[in-house]
Amino acid sequence: MAKKCILLVRVSTKKQDFSEQEKECYNLAIKDGYTPSNIIVIAEKESGVKLSEEERAGLNKMKQHIESDSQIDCVYCWEVSRIARRKKVSFSILDYLKEHHVNLKINKPSLTLLDDKGNEIIGMSIAFSIFATMSELEAEMLKERVKRTFKKLKEEKKYIGGTVPFGMIVNEQREL
């Protein structure tokens, strides 16, 4: 029986495009010997910060496929932050994949969870931990930058979206 893999692709907003992530993961899977008919694409536009693990449609679909199809032996993901922006969720997914003997291959940086015999590659777990931590910190820093920008714009009485409150000035459209 031919083995199958999942491409787990995620972007955070409806405006973003995930085609490049999908293409790169697809090419990795093909390079590793999977055929197009044995590649399952799970692509979602959902927040890795705002939603809990249980609320994430992409992660739920991935788990459903793994539990219903014993031929799935690998999940490809573009980078660690595409799995989750919180360490707790990242490690939960890593543990889930280990328990189900499903390999995880990250494109950037190149990380592989299991060796050819199905044993965990210790160095990968260490690197995964570092990148999961960096992903969470990056999300927290972005949140703080946005907060500071909104506060500054509000202090300057500039429009930041929504209904224009009395006394606010609507200038040019700003990209945050």
Protein backbone atom coordinates (compact mmCIF):
# COMPACT_ATOMS: atom_id res chain seq x y z
CA MET A 1 0.00 0.00 0.00
CA ALA A 2 1.25 3.47 -0.87
CA LYS A 3 1.95 5.84 1.99
CA LYS A 4 0.15 9.16 2.22
CA CYS A 5 1.10 12.53 3.63
CA ILE A 6 -0.61 15.71 4.74
CA LEU A 7 0.41 19.22 3.81
CA LEU A 8 -0.55 21.41 6.78
CA VAL A 9 -0.76 24.98 5.48
CA ARG A 10 -1.95 28.02 7.43
CA VAL A 11 -2.10 31.78 7.14
CA SER A 12 -3.47 34.07 9.84
CA THR A 13 -5.89 36.30 7.94
CA LYS A 14 -8.42 36.05 5.12
CA LYS A 15 -6.37 38.52 3.04
CA GLN A 16 -3.22 36.40 3.07
CA ASP A 17 -2.40 33.78 0.45
CA PHE A 18 -0.98 30.35 1.26
CA SER A 19 -0.25 29.15 -2.28
CA GLU A 20 3.54 29.56 -1.91
CA GLN A 21 3.59 27.53 1.32
CA GLU A 22 1.48 24.83 -0.30
CA LYS A 23 3.67 24.71 -3.40
CA GLU A 24 6.91 24.36 -1.41
CA CYS A 25 5.49 21.64 0.86
CA TYR A 26 4.01 19.84 -2.16
CA ASN A 27 7.41 19.85 -3.90
CA LEU A 28 9.06 18.43 -0.76
CA ALA A 29 6.48 15.64 -0.58
CA ILE A 30 6.96 14.79 -4.27
CA LYS A 31 10.75 14.83 -3.77
CA ASP A 32 10.30 12.37 -0.87
CA GLY A 33 8.40 9.97 -3.14
CA TYR A 34 4.73 10.75 -2.51
CA THR A 35 2.48 10.79 -5.55
CA PRO A 36 -0.04 13.59 -6.14
CA SER A 37 -2.93 11.24 -5.38
CA ASN A 38 -1.41 10.42 -1.97
CA ILE A 39 -0.99 14.03 -0.84
CA ILE A 40 -3.75 15.50 1.30
CA VAL A 41 -3.77 19.29 1.47
CA ILE A 42 -5.20 20.97 4.56
CA ALA A 43 -5.09 24.73 4.04
CA GLU A 44 -6.78 27.10 6.46
CA LYS A 45 -6.97 30.83 7.01
CA GLU A 46 -7.10 30.97 10.79
CA SER A 47 -5.26 32.58 13.66
CA GLY A 48 -2.56 30.58 15.41
CA VAL A 49 -2.79 32.95 18.38
CA LYS A 50 -6.48 33.70 18.90
CA LEU A 51 -7.83 30.16 18.49
CA SER A 52 -7.24 27.29 20.89
CA GLU A 53 -5.99 23.95 19.62
CA GLU A 54 -9.55 22.58 19.73
CA GLU A 55 -10.87 25.53 17.71
CA ARG A 56 -8.32 25.19 14.92
CA ALA A 57 -10.05 23.63 11.90
CA GLY A 58 -6.74 22.72 10.22
CA LEU A 59 -5.41 20.81 13.23
CA ASN A 60 -8.76 19.05 13.70
CA LYS A 61 -8.84 17.97 10.04
CA MET A 62 -5.25 16.73 10.29
CA LYS A 63 -6.11 14.62 13.36
CA GLN A 64 -9.26 13.24 11.70
CA HIS A 65 -7.27 12.16 8.65
CA ILE A 66 -4.52 10.54 10.76
CA GLU A 67 -7.04 8.68 12.92
CA SER A 68 -9.09 7.45 9.97
CA ASP A 69 -6.28 6.55 7.56
CA SER A 70 -3.38 4.38 8.77
CA GLN A 71 -1.50 5.02 5.50
CA ILE A 72 -0.68 8.60 6.53
CA ASP A 73 2.91 8.59 7.73
CA CYS A 74 4.05 12.21 7.39
CA VAL A 75 2.90 15.80 7.85
CA TYR A 76 4.67 18.58 5.95
CA CYS A 77 4.59 22.13 7.22
CA TRP A 78 6.23 25.26 5.84
CA GLU A 79 7.59 26.47 9.22
CA VAL A 80 6.98 25.81 12.93
CA SER A 81 4.84 28.94 13.33
CA ARG A 82 2.37 27.53 10.80
CA ILE A 83 1.56 24.75 13.27
CA ALA A 84 0.90 27.19 16.10
CA ARG A 85 1.98 30.47 17.64
CA ARG A 86 1.82 29.07 21.16
CA LYS A 87 4.39 26.61 22.51
CA LYS A 88 1.74 24.62 24.36
CA VAL A 89 -0.13 23.89 21.12
CA SER A 90 3.08 23.23 19.15
CA PHE A 91 4.27 20.67 21.70
CA SER A 92 0.81 19.09 21.91
CA ILE A 93 0.81 18.55 18.13
CA LEU A 94 4.38 17.22 18.23
CA ASP A 95 3.37 14.73 20.95
CA TYR A 96 0.25 13.76 18.98
CA LEU A 97 2.32 12.98 15.88
CA LYS A 98 4.85 10.96 17.91
CA GLU A 99 2.05 8.93 19.52
CA HIS A 100 0.63 8.13 16.09
CA HIS A 101 4.07 7.39 14.57
CA VAL A 102 3.61 10.15 11.99
CA ASN A 103 6.71 12.01 10.86
CA LEU A 104 6.80 15.81 10.78
CA LYS A 105 8.87 17.61 8.17
CA ILE A 106 9.33 21.35 8.46
CA ASN A 107 10.51 23.22 5.37
CA LYS A 108 12.09 26.32 6.97
CA PRO A 109 14.36 25.55 8.69
CA SER A 110 14.69 22.00 7.47
CA LEU A 111 13.62 19.77 10.39
CA THR A 112 12.55 16.12 10.44
CA LEU A 113 11.01 14.52 13.53
CA LEU A 114 11.67 10.82 12.86
CA ASP A 115 14.52 8.93 11.23
CA ASP A 116 14.01 6.17 8.62
CA LYS A 117 13.40 3.61 11.39
CA GLY A 118 10.70 5.72 13.03
CA ASN A 119 12.85 6.85 15.94
CA GLU A 120 12.76 10.42 17.16
CA ILE A 121 15.71 12.55 16.10
CA ILE A 122 16.75 14.21 19.36
CA GLY A 123 18.35 17.23 17.71
CA MET A 124 15.10 17.95 15.90
CA SER A 125 13.17 18.07 19.16
CA ILE A 126 15.64 20.60 20.54
CA ALA A 127 15.46 22.74 17.39
CA PHE A 128 11.66 22.46 17.34
CA SER A 129 11.55 23.73 20.94
CA ILE A 130 13.68 26.72 20.04
CA PHE A 131 11.58 27.61 16.98
CA ALA A 132 8.30 27.11 18.86
CA THR A 133 9.55 29.51 21.53
CA MET A 134 10.66 32.03 18.90
CA SER A 135 7.27 31.77 17.17
CA GLU A 136 5.42 32.52 20.40
CA LEU A 137 7.71 35.45 21.22
CA GLU A 138 7.34 36.85 17.71
CA ALA A 139 3.54 36.79 18.05
CA GLU A 140 3.72 38.53 21.44
CA MET A 141 6.05 41.24 20.10
CA LEU A 142 3.76 41.88 17.11
CA LYS A 143 0.79 42.23 19.43
CA GLU A 144 2.70 44.79 21.54
CA ARG A 145 3.80 46.77 18.46
CA VAL A 146 0.22 46.98 17.19
CA LYS A 147 -0.99 48.08 20.64
CA ARG A 148 1.64 50.83 20.79
CA THR A 149 0.78 52.02 17.29
CA PHE A 150 -2.96 52.14 18.04
CA LYS A 151 -2.30 53.99 21.31
CA LYS A 152 -0.12 56.56 19.51
CA LEU A 153 -2.68 57.10 16.76
CA LYS A 154 -5.42 57.49 19.34
CA GLU A 155 -3.35 60.05 21.27
CA GLU A 156 -2.82 61.93 18.01
CA LYS A 157 -6.60 61.76 17.49
CA LYS A 158 -6.15 59.88 14.23
CA TYR A 159 -8.62 57.38 12.83
CA ILE A 160 -7.69 53.72 13.47
CA GLY A 161 -10.80 52.00 12.17
CA GLY A 162 -14.44 51.55 13.03
CA THR A 163 -16.87 54.38 13.69
CA VAL A 164 -15.16 57.75 13.80
CA PRO A 165 -15.54 59.13 17.33
CA PHE A 166 -16.34 62.80 17.80
CA GLY A 167 -13.17 64.87 17.58
CA MET A 168 -11.12 62.32 15.63
CA ILE A 169 -9.43 63.31 12.39
CA VAL A 170 -9.68 60.98 9.41
CA ASN A 171 -6.49 61.31 7.36
CA GLU A 172 -5.13 59.07 4.65
CA GLN A 173 -5.62 55.32 4.94
CA ARG A 174 -2.75 53.76 6.94
CA GLU A 175 -1.31 50.26 6.66
CA LEU A 176 -0.35 48.83 10.05
